[in-house]
Amino acid sequence: MDTYTIKSFLFAGACSTLSVIIYHYVFLRIQQSRVHSAISELFNEPMKTPIHPPSLKRAWTKSEDNLVRSKAMPDAKLSSKIGRTVAAIHVRRNILKNK
């Protein structure tokens, strides 16, 4: 056998070894998920997956947007009037300015 054939066999062996390792890792992750799912069904426990709740922020109304745009009163006074923080007013003003 020449050197090229030996190198190609070694490369093929390394690739197949790597693919076996990746396959086993994926297989174990799937099995782990199935086992956890089965256990949680037995004990009626929900799976621990990240659940992102919907945004709890109030939507801005048109009247609030008009007050923020007009700058008719200082931000601190506007904040107490509409029930938003001064920082929220600054952010909203920048959003409205960039629209």
PDB file of N, CA and C in Angstrom:
ATOM      1  N   MET A   1       0.837  -1.176   0.000  1.00  0.00           N
ATOM      2  CA  MET A   1       0.000   0.000   0.000  1.00  0.00           C
ATOM      3  C   MET A   1       0.887   1.246   0.000  1.00  0.00           C
ATOM      4  N   ASP A   2       0.425   2.231  -0.707  1.00  0.00           N
ATOM      5  CA  ASP A   2       1.201   3.475  -0.731  1.00  0.00           C
ATOM      6  C   ASP A   2       0.762   4.383   0.419  1.00  0.00           C
ATOM      7  N   THR A   3       1.484   5.451   0.587  1.00  0.00           N
ATOM      8  CA  THR A   3       1.233   6.379   1.692  1.00  0.00           C
ATOM      9  C   THR A   3      -0.126   7.051   1.571  1.00  0.00           C
ATOM     10  N   TYR A   4      -0.527   7.377   0.354  1.00  0.00           N
ATOM     11  CA  TYR A   4      -1.809   8.037   0.139  1.00  0.00           C
ATOM     12  C   TYR A   4      -2.965   7.156   0.606  1.00  0.00           C
ATOM     13  N   THR A   5      -2.907   5.872   0.311  1.00  0.00           N
ATOM     14  CA  THR A   5      -3.964   4.939   0.715  1.00  0.00           C
ATOM     15  C   THR A   5      -4.032   4.823   2.229  1.00  0.00           C
ATOM     16  N   ILE A   6      -2.874   4.766   2.868  1.00  0.00           N
ATOM     17  CA  ILE A   6      -2.841   4.672   4.335  1.00  0.00           C
ATOM     18  C   ILE A   6      -3.437   5.929   4.960  1.00  0.00           C
ATOM     19  N   LYS A   7      -3.057   7.099   4.420  1.00  0.00           N
ATOM     20  CA  LYS A   7      -3.606   8.355   4.953  1.00  0.00           C
ATOM     21  C   LYS A   7      -5.114   8.431   4.746  1.00  0.00           C
ATOM     22  N   SER A   8      -5.592   7.970   3.604  1.00  0.00           N
ATOM     23  CA  SER A   8      -7.030   8.028   3.350  1.00  0.00           C
ATOM     24  C   SER A   8      -7.785   7.088   4.289  1.00  0.00           C
ATOM     25  N   PHE A   9      -7.195   5.904   4.573  1.00  0.00           N
ATOM     26  CA  PHE A   9      -7.820   5.003   5.538  1.00  0.00           C
ATOM     27  C   PHE A   9      -7.857   5.617   6.932  1.00  0.00           C
ATOM     28  N   LEU A  10      -6.773   6.275   7.335  1.00  0.00           N
ATOM     29  CA  LEU A  10      -6.720   6.918   8.642  1.00  0.00           C
ATOM     30  C   LEU A  10      -7.743   8.043   8.735  1.00  0.00           C
ATOM     31  N   PHE A  11      -7.857   8.824   7.657  1.00  0.00           N
ATOM     32  CA  PHE A  11      -8.818   9.926   7.632  1.00  0.00           C
ATOM     33  C   PHE A  11     -10.245   9.383   7.705  1.00  0.00           C
ATOM     34  N   ALA A  12     -10.515   8.325   6.946  1.00  0.00           N
ATOM     35  CA  ALA A  12     -11.852   7.723   6.969  1.00  0.00           C
ATOM     36  C   ALA A  12     -12.163   7.174   8.357  1.00  0.00           C
ATOM     37  N   GLY A  13     -11.160   6.578   8.994  1.00  0.00           N
ATOM     38  CA  GLY A  13     -11.359   6.056  10.338  1.00  0.00           C
ATOM     39  C   GLY A  13     -11.650   7.164  11.332  1.00  0.00           C
ATOM     40  N   ALA A  14     -10.926   8.280  11.212  1.00  0.00           N
ATOM     41  CA  ALA A  14     -11.145   9.410  12.116  1.00  0.00           C
ATOM     42  C   ALA A  14     -12.535  10.003  11.902  1.00  0.00           C
ATOM     43  N   CYS A  15     -12.943  10.131  10.633  1.00  0.00           N
ATOM     44  CA  CYS A  15     -14.267  10.684  10.343  1.00  0.00           C
ATOM     45  C   CYS A  15     -15.370   9.770  10.869  1.00  0.00           C
ATOM     46  N   SER A  16     -15.186   8.457  10.684  1.00  0.00           N
ATOM     47  CA  SER A  16     -16.219   7.550  11.163  1.00  0.00           C
ATOM     48  C   SER A  16     -16.272   7.547  12.686  1.00  0.00           C
ATOM     49  N   THR A  17     -15.111   7.653  13.334  1.00  0.00           N
ATOM     50  CA  THR A  17     -15.090   7.726  14.794  1.00  0.00           C
ATOM     51  C   THR A  17     -15.801   8.974  15.280  1.00  0.00           C
ATOM     52  N   LEU A  18     -15.545  10.091  14.626  1.00  0.00           N
ATOM     53  CA  LEU A  18     -16.195  11.344  14.997  1.00  0.00           C
ATOM     54  C   LEU A  18     -17.697  11.252  14.777  1.00  0.00           C
ATOM     55  N   SER A  19     -18.105  10.658  13.676  1.00  0.00           N
ATOM     56  CA  SER A  19     -19.544  10.539  13.420  1.00  0.00           C
ATOM     57  C   SER A  19     -20.211   9.623  14.444  1.00  0.00           C
ATOM     58  N   VAL A  20     -19.520   8.583  14.883  1.00  0.00           N
ATOM     59  CA  VAL A  20     -20.069   7.693  15.910  1.00  0.00           C
ATOM     60  C   VAL A  20     -20.212   8.445  17.226  1.00  0.00           C
ATOM     61  N   ILE A  21     -19.228   9.251  17.564  1.00  0.00           N
ATOM     62  CA  ILE A  21     -19.292  10.032  18.803  1.00  0.00           C
ATOM     63  C   ILE A  21     -20.460  11.011  18.753  1.00  0.00           C
ATOM     64  N   ILE A  22     -20.605  11.700  17.627  1.00  0.00           N
ATOM     65  CA  ILE A  22     -21.707  12.657  17.485  1.00  0.00           C
ATOM     66  C   ILE A  22     -23.045  11.933  17.547  1.00  0.00           C
ATOM     67  N   TYR A  23     -23.147  10.787  16.862  1.00  0.00           N
ATOM     68  CA  TYR A  23     -24.387  10.011  16.872  1.00  0.00           C
ATOM     69  C   TYR A  23     -24.757   9.594  18.292  1.00  0.00           C
ATOM     70  N   HIS A  24     -23.783   9.100  19.039  1.00  0.00           N
ATOM     71  CA  HIS A  24     -24.064   8.651  20.400  1.00  0.00           C
ATOM     72  C   HIS A  24     -24.454   9.816  21.305  1.00  0.00           C
ATOM     73  N   TYR A  25     -23.821  10.966  21.115  1.00  0.00           N
ATOM     74  CA  TYR A  25     -24.175  12.140  21.911  1.00  0.00           C
ATOM     75  C   TYR A  25     -25.622  12.540  21.642  1.00  0.00           C
ATOM     76  N   VAL A  26     -25.989  12.607  20.368  1.00  0.00           N
ATOM     77  CA  VAL A  26     -27.364  12.975  20.009  1.00  0.00           C
ATOM     78  C   VAL A  26     -28.343  11.920  20.520  1.00  0.00           C
ATOM     79  N   PHE A  27     -28.004  10.653  20.349  1.00  0.00           N
ATOM     80  CA  PHE A  27     -28.860   9.561  20.810  1.00  0.00           C
ATOM     81  C   PHE A  27     -29.084   9.647  22.319  1.00  0.00           C
ATOM     82  N   LEU A  28     -28.007   9.900  23.071  1.00  0.00           N
ATOM     83  CA  LEU A  28     -28.142   9.993  24.526  1.00  0.00           C
ATOM     84  C   LEU A  28     -28.999  11.183  24.932  1.00  0.00           C
ATOM     85  N   ARG A  29     -28.870  12.311  24.219  1.00  0.00           N
ATOM     86  CA  ARG A  29     -29.691  13.483  24.536  1.00  0.00           C
ATOM     87  C   ARG A  29     -31.171  13.191  24.281  1.00  0.00           C
ATOM     88  N   ILE A  30     -31.454  12.491  23.190  1.00  0.00           N
ATOM     89  CA  ILE A  30     -32.844  12.146  22.891  1.00  0.00           C
ATOM     90  C   ILE A  30     -33.386  11.199  23.957  1.00  0.00           C
ATOM     91  N   GLN A  31     -32.598  10.198  24.314  1.00  0.00           N
ATOM     92  CA  GLN A  31     -33.028   9.253  25.341  1.00  0.00           C
ATOM     93  C   GLN A  31     -33.253   9.962  26.670  1.00  0.00           C
ATOM     94  N   GLN A  32     -32.362  10.884  27.019  1.00  0.00           N
ATOM     95  CA  GLN A  32     -32.490  11.618  28.275  1.00  0.00           C
ATOM     96  C   GLN A  32     -33.786  12.417  28.287  1.00  0.00           C
ATOM     97  N   SER A  33     -34.108  13.029  27.164  1.00  0.00           N
ATOM     98  CA  SER A  33     -35.340  13.801  27.059  1.00  0.00           C
ATOM     99  C   SER A  33     -36.554  12.890  27.192  1.00  0.00           C
ATOM    100  N   ARG A  34     -36.503  11.720  26.556  1.00  0.00           N
ATOM    101  CA  ARG A  34     -37.625  10.777  26.639  1.00  0.00           C
ATOM    102  C   ARG A  34     -37.819  10.273  28.062  1.00  0.00           C
ATOM    103  N   VAL A  35     -36.729   9.957  28.738  1.00  0.00           N
ATOM    104  CA  VAL A  35     -36.819   9.463  30.114  1.00  0.00           C
ATOM    105  C   VAL A  35     -37.389  10.546  31.016  1.00  0.00           C
ATOM    106  N   HIS A  36     -36.904  11.781  30.860  1.00  0.00           N
ATOM    107  CA  HIS A  36     -37.409  12.877  31.683  1.00  0.00           C
ATOM    108  C   HIS A  36     -38.895  13.097  31.423  1.00  0.00           C
ATOM    109  N   SER A  37     -39.286  12.988  30.158  1.00  0.00           N
ATOM    110  CA  SER A  37     -40.695  13.156  29.809  1.00  0.00           C
ATOM    111  C   SER A  37     -41.543  12.060  30.446  1.00  0.00           C
ATOM    112  N   ALA A  38     -41.055  10.828  30.392  1.00  0.00           N
ATOM    113  CA  ALA A  38     -41.807   9.707  30.970  1.00  0.00           C
ATOM    114  C   ALA A  38     -41.934   9.858  32.478  1.00  0.00           C
ATOM    115  N   ILE A  39     -40.864  10.275  33.143  1.00  0.00           N
ATOM    116  CA  ILE A  39     -40.900  10.462  34.599  1.00  0.00           C
ATOM    117  C   ILE A  39     -41.850  11.585  34.970  1.00  0.00           C
ATOM    118  N   SER A  40     -41.799  12.675  34.210  1.00  0.00           N
ATOM    119  CA  SER A  40     -42.679  13.790  34.532  1.00  0.00           C
ATOM    120  C   SER A  40     -44.142  13.428  34.309  1.00  0.00           C
ATOM    121  N   GLU A  41     -44.416  12.550  33.317  1.00  0.00           N
ATOM    122  CA  GLU A  41     -45.794  12.095  33.126  1.00  0.00           C
ATOM    123  C   GLU A  41     -46.244  11.213  34.288  1.00  0.00           C
ATOM    124  N   LEU A  42     -45.335  10.398  34.814  1.00  0.00           N
ATOM    125  CA  LEU A  42     -45.681   9.532  35.942  1.00  0.00           C
ATOM    126  C   LEU A  42     -46.071  10.340  37.168  1.00  0.00           C
ATOM    127  N   PHE A  43     -45.334  11.383  37.417  1.00  0.00           N
ATOM    128  CA  PHE A  43     -45.578  12.174  38.617  1.00  0.00           C
ATOM    129  C   PHE A  43     -46.390  13.435  38.348  1.00  0.00           C
ATOM    130  N   ASN A  44     -46.924  13.547  37.140  1.00  0.00           N
ATOM    131  CA  ASN A  44     -47.728  14.704  36.733  1.00  0.00           C
ATOM    132  C   ASN A  44     -47.001  16.020  36.963  1.00  0.00           C
ATOM    133  N   GLU A  45     -45.714  16.018  36.682  1.00  0.00           N
ATOM    134  CA  GLU A  45     -44.933  17.242  36.798  1.00  0.00           C
ATOM    135  C   GLU A  45     -44.666  17.777  35.401  1.00  0.00           C
ATOM    136  N   PRO A  46     -44.757  19.068  35.226  1.00  0.00           N
ATOM    137  CA  PRO A  46     -44.438  19.619  33.910  1.00  0.00           C
ATOM    138  C   PRO A  46     -42.938  19.518  33.629  1.00  0.00           C
ATOM    139  N   MET A  47     -42.594  19.383  32.353  1.00  0.00           N
ATOM    140  CA  MET A  47     -41.175  19.368  31.996  1.00  0.00           C
ATOM    141  C   MET A  47     -40.590  20.750  32.248  1.00  0.00           C
ATOM    142  N   LYS A  48     -39.321  20.766  32.569  1.00  0.00           N
ATOM    143  CA  LYS A  48     -38.670  22.034  32.871  1.00  0.00           C
ATOM    144  C   LYS A  48     -38.114  22.635  31.595  1.00  0.00           C
ATOM    145  N   THR A  49     -38.999  23.211  30.816  1.00  0.00           N
ATOM    146  CA  THR A  49     -38.581  23.907  29.610  1.00  0.00           C
ATOM    147  C   THR A  49     -38.797  25.387  29.834  1.00  0.00           C
ATOM    148  N   PRO A  50     -37.938  26.210  29.277  1.00  0.00           N
ATOM    149  CA  PRO A  50     -38.116  27.643  29.502  1.00  0.00           C
ATOM    150  C   PRO A  50     -39.375  28.150  28.816  1.00  0.00           C
ATOM    151  N   ILE A  51     -40.242  28.754  29.596  1.00  0.00           N
ATOM    152  CA  ILE A  51     -41.469  29.338  29.059  1.00  0.00           C
ATOM    153  C   ILE A  51     -41.385  30.839  29.276  1.00  0.00           C
ATOM    154  N   HIS A  52     -41.503  31.563  28.199  1.00  0.00           N
ATOM    155  CA  HIS A  52     -41.412  33.018  28.287  1.00  0.00           C
ATOM    156  C   HIS A  52     -42.818  33.598  28.344  1.00  0.00           C
ATOM    157  N   PRO A  53     -43.150  34.260  29.452  1.00  0.00           N
ATOM    158  CA  PRO A  53     -44.495  34.817  29.566  1.00  0.00           C
ATOM    159  C   PRO A  53     -44.674  35.987  28.615  1.00  0.00           C
ATOM    160  N   PRO A  54     -45.901  36.287  28.253  1.00  0.00           N
ATOM    161  CA  PRO A  54     -46.121  37.445  27.399  1.00  0.00           C
ATOM    162  C   PRO A  54     -45.726  38.719  28.140  1.00  0.00           C
ATOM    163  N   SER A  55     -45.475  39.731  27.390  1.00  0.00           N
ATOM    164  CA  SER A  55     -45.052  40.989  27.989  1.00  0.00           C
ATOM    165  C   SER A  55     -46.148  41.529  28.901  1.00  0.00           C
ATOM    166  N   LEU A  56     -45.731  41.966  30.070  1.00  0.00           N
ATOM    167  CA  LEU A  56     -46.699  42.490  31.032  1.00  0.00           C
ATOM    168  C   LEU A  56     -46.824  44.009  30.944  1.00  0.00           C
ATOM    169  N   LYS A  57     -46.146  44.586  29.973  1.00  0.00           N
ATOM    170  CA  LYS A  57     -46.183  46.039  29.827  1.00  0.00           C
ATOM    171  C   LYS A  57     -47.496  46.475  29.196  1.00  0.00           C
ATOM    172  N   ARG A  58     -47.984  47.604  29.674  1.00  0.00           N
ATOM    173  CA  ARG A  58     -49.183  48.176  29.069  1.00  0.00           C
ATOM    174  C   ARG A  58     -48.822  48.779  27.716  1.00  0.00           C
ATOM    175  N   ALA A  59     -49.702  48.644  26.775  1.00  0.00           N
ATOM    176  CA  ALA A  59     -49.482  49.272  25.473  1.00  0.00           C
ATOM    177  C   ALA A  59     -49.673  50.779  25.600  1.00  0.00           C
ATOM    178  N   TRP A  60     -48.933  51.529  24.824  1.00  0.00           N
ATOM    179  CA  TRP A  60     -49.060  52.978  24.842  1.00  0.00           C
ATOM    180  C   TRP A  60     -50.297  53.380  24.051  1.00  0.00           C
ATOM    181  N   THR A  61     -51.089  54.285  24.640  1.00  0.00           N
ATOM    182  CA  THR A  61     -52.287  54.765  23.953  1.00  0.00           C
ATOM    183  C   THR A  61     -51.931  55.974  23.100  1.00  0.00           C
ATOM    184  N   LYS A  62     -52.845  56.324  22.209  1.00  0.00           N
ATOM    185  CA  LYS A  62     -52.628  57.489  21.329  1.00  0.00           C
ATOM    186  C   LYS A  62     -52.530  58.779  22.141  1.00  0.00           C
ATOM    187  N   SER A  63     -53.362  58.898  23.188  1.00  0.00           N
ATOM    188  CA  SER A  63     -53.335  60.126  23.998  1.00  0.00           C
ATOM    189  C   SER A  63     -52.006  60.249  24.747  1.00  0.00           C
ATOM    190  N   GLU A  64     -51.469  59.107  25.229  1.00  0.00           N
ATOM    191  CA  GLU A  64     -50.161  59.140  25.896  1.00  0.00           C
ATOM    192  C   GLU A  64     -49.069  59.531  24.903  1.00  0.00           C
ATOM    193  N   ASP A  65     -49.144  58.967  23.690  1.00  0.00           N
ATOM    194  CA  ASP A  65     -48.158  59.325  22.666  1.00  0.00           C
ATOM    195  C   ASP A  65     -48.205  60.813  22.337  1.00  0.00           C
ATOM    196  N   ASN A  66     -49.416  61.363  22.257  1.00  0.00           N
ATOM    197  CA  ASN A  66     -49.556  62.793  21.957  1.00  0.00           C
ATOM    198  C   ASN A  66     -48.972  63.649  23.075  1.00  0.00           C
ATOM    199  N   LEU A  67     -49.200  63.252  24.338  1.00  0.00           N
ATOM    200  CA  LEU A  67     -48.635  63.994  25.462  1.00  0.00           C
ATOM    201  C   LEU A  67     -47.110  63.928  25.465  1.00  0.00           C
ATOM    202  N   VAL A  68     -46.558  62.754  25.144  1.00  0.00           N
ATOM    203  CA  VAL A  68     -45.099  62.599  25.124  1.00  0.00           C
ATOM    204  C   VAL A  68     -44.498  63.429  24.001  1.00  0.00           C
ATOM    205  N   ARG A  69     -45.165  63.436  22.843  1.00  0.00           N
ATOM    206  CA  ARG A  69     -44.660  64.216  21.703  1.00  0.00           C
ATOM    207  C   ARG A  69     -44.720  65.719  21.959  1.00  0.00           C
ATOM    208  N   SER A  70     -45.775  66.174  22.607  1.00  0.00           N
ATOM    209  CA  SER A  70     -46.003  67.615  22.743  1.00  0.00           C
ATOM    210  C   SER A  70     -45.040  68.294  23.711  1.00  0.00           C
ATOM    211  N   LYS A  71     -44.513  67.564  24.675  1.00  0.00           N
ATOM    212  CA  LYS A  71     -43.631  68.135  25.709  1.00  0.00           C
ATOM    213  C   LYS A  71     -44.296  69.326  26.396  1.00  0.00           C
ATOM    214  N   ALA A  72     -45.608  69.224  26.637  1.00  0.00           N
ATOM    215  CA  ALA A  72     -46.369  70.315  27.242  1.00  0.00           C
ATOM    216  C   ALA A  72     -46.042  70.505  28.710  1.00  0.00           C
ATOM    217  N   MET A  73     -45.551  69.450  29.358  1.00  0.00           N
ATOM    218  CA  MET A  73     -45.216  69.532  30.785  1.00  0.00           C
ATOM    219  C   MET A  73     -43.911  68.784  31.034  1.00  0.00           C
ATOM    220  N   PRO A  74     -43.261  69.050  32.156  1.00  0.00           N
ATOM    221  CA  PRO A  74     -42.013  68.345  32.465  1.00  0.00           C
ATOM    222  C   PRO A  74     -42.249  66.833  32.563  1.00  0.00           C
ATOM    223  N   ASP A  75     -41.212  66.089  32.288  1.00  0.00           N
ATOM    224  CA  ASP A  75     -41.327  64.629  32.275  1.00  0.00           C
ATOM    225  C   ASP A  75     -41.746  64.060  33.628  1.00  0.00           C
ATOM    226  N   ALA A  76     -41.284  64.648  34.716  1.00  0.00           N
ATOM    227  CA  ALA A  76     -41.647  64.150  36.048  1.00  0.00           C
ATOM    228  C   ALA A  76     -43.153  64.304  36.289  1.00  0.00           C
ATOM    229  N   LYS A  77     -43.704  65.423  35.882  1.00  0.00           N
ATOM    230  CA  LYS A  77     -45.139  65.657  36.056  1.00  0.00           C
ATOM    231  C   LYS A  77     -45.947  64.748  35.124  1.00  0.00           C
ATOM    232  N   LEU A  78     -45.465  64.602  33.885  1.00  0.00           N
ATOM    233  CA  LEU A  78     -46.123  63.722  32.926  1.00  0.00           C
ATOM    234  C   LEU A  78     -46.090  62.277  33.416  1.00  0.00           C
ATOM    235  N   SER A  79     -44.995  61.910  34.037  1.00  0.00           N
ATOM    236  CA  SER A  79     -44.836  60.563  34.567  1.00  0.00           C
ATOM    237  C   SER A  79     -45.914  60.245  35.597  1.00  0.00           C
ATOM    238  N   SER A  80     -46.136  61.158  36.521  1.00  0.00           N
ATOM    239  CA  SER A  80     -47.162  60.921  37.543  1.00  0.00           C
ATOM    240  C   SER A  80     -48.560  60.968  36.941  1.00  0.00           C
ATOM    241  N   LYS A  81     -48.734  61.724  35.881  1.00  0.00           N
ATOM    242  CA  LYS A  81     -50.054  61.851  35.268  1.00  0.00           C
ATOM    243  C   LYS A  81     -50.460  60.587  34.505  1.00  0.00           C
ATOM    244  N   ILE A  82     -49.527  60.033  33.730  1.00  0.00           N
ATOM    245  CA  ILE A  82     -49.893  58.873  32.909  1.00  0.00           C
ATOM    246  C   ILE A  82     -49.500  57.536  33.537  1.00  0.00           C
ATOM    247  N   GLY A  83     -48.780  57.579  34.652  1.00  0.00           N
ATOM    248  CA  GLY A  83     -48.424  56.341  35.339  1.00  0.00           C
ATOM    249  C   GLY A  83     -47.288  55.568  34.699  1.00  0.00           C
ATOM    250  N   ARG A  84     -46.384  56.276  34.061  1.00  0.00           N
ATOM    251  CA  ARG A  84     -45.194  55.662  33.456  1.00  0.00           C
ATOM    252  C   ARG A  84     -43.960  56.273  34.108  1.00  0.00           C
ATOM    253  N   THR A  85     -42.840  55.574  34.018  1.00  0.00           N
ATOM    254  CA  THR A  85     -41.610  56.127  34.582  1.00  0.00           C
ATOM    255  C   THR A  85     -41.034  57.160  33.623  1.00  0.00           C
ATOM    256  N   VAL A  86     -40.171  58.004  34.178  1.00  0.00           N
ATOM    257  CA  VAL A  86     -39.519  59.023  33.355  1.00  0.00           C
ATOM    258  C   VAL A  86     -38.658  58.353  32.285  1.00  0.00           C
ATOM    259  N   ALA A  87     -38.001  57.259  32.649  1.00  0.00           N
ATOM    260  CA  ALA A  87     -37.177  56.538  31.674  1.00  0.00           C
ATOM    261  C   ALA A  87     -38.040  55.980  30.545  1.00  0.00           C
ATOM    262  N   ALA A  88     -39.219  55.473  30.883  1.00  0.00           N
ATOM    263  CA  ALA A  88     -40.119  54.954  29.852  1.00  0.00           C
ATOM    264  C   ALA A  88     -40.572  56.064  28.914  1.00  0.00           C
ATOM    265  N   ILE A  89     -40.773  57.246  29.471  1.00  0.00           N
ATOM    266  CA  ILE A  89     -41.170  58.396  28.647  1.00  0.00           C
ATOM    267  C   ILE A  89     -40.044  58.771  27.684  1.00  0.00           C
ATOM    268  N   HIS A  90     -38.811  58.770  28.174  1.00  0.00           N
ATOM    269  CA  HIS A  90     -37.668  59.088  27.307  1.00  0.00           C
ATOM    270  C   HIS A  90     -37.525  58.055  26.183  1.00  0.00           C
ATOM    271  N   VAL A  91     -37.670  56.789  26.533  1.00  0.00           N
ATOM    272  CA  VAL A  91     -37.560  55.730  25.524  1.00  0.00           C
ATOM    273  C   VAL A  91     -38.667  55.867  24.493  1.00  0.00           C
ATOM    274  N   ARG A  92     -39.896  56.098  24.969  1.00  0.00           N
ATOM    275  CA  ARG A  92     -41.022  56.226  24.040  1.00  0.00           C
ATOM    276  C   ARG A  92     -40.856  57.434  23.129  1.00  0.00           C
ATOM    277  N   ARG A  93     -40.344  58.527  23.669  1.00  0.00           N
ATOM    278  CA  ARG A  93     -40.127  59.722  22.854  1.00  0.00           C
ATOM    279  C   ARG A  93     -39.115  59.433  21.742  1.00  0.00           C
ATOM    280  N   ASN A  94     -38.062  58.698  22.069  1.00  0.00           N
ATOM    281  CA  ASN A  94     -37.079  58.337  21.034  1.00  0.00           C
ATOM    282  C   ASN A  94     -37.667  57.415  19.994  1.00  0.00           C
ATOM    283  N   ILE A  95     -38.502  56.482  20.430  1.00  0.00           N
ATOM    284  CA  ILE A  95     -39.165  55.576  19.467  1.00  0.00           C
ATOM    285  C   ILE A  95     -40.058  56.366  18.535  1.00  0.00           C
ATOM    286  N   LEU A  96     -40.846  57.283  19.094  1.00  0.00           N
ATOM    287  CA  LEU A  96     -41.748  58.084  18.267  1.00  0.00           C
ATOM    288  C   LEU A  96     -40.980  59.009  17.328  1.00  0.00           C
ATOM    289  N   LYS A  97     -39.846  59.504  17.801  1.00  0.00           N
ATOM    290  CA  LYS A  97     -39.037  60.397  16.965  1.00  0.00           C
ATOM    291  C   LYS A  97     -38.450  59.652  15.771  1.00  0.00           C
ATOM    292  N   ASN A  98     -38.101  58.375  15.971  1.00  0.00           N
ATOM    293  CA  ASN A  98     -37.485  57.591  14.900  1.00  0.00           C
ATOM    294  C   ASN A  98     -38.479  56.950  13.957  1.00  0.00           C
ATOM    295  N   LYS A  99     -39.768  57.049  14.262  1.00  0.00           N
ATOM    296  CA  LYS A  99     -40.787  56.454  13.373  1.00  0.00           C
ATOM    297  C   LYS A  99     -40.968  57.289  12.137  1.00  0.00           C
TER     298      LYS A  99
END
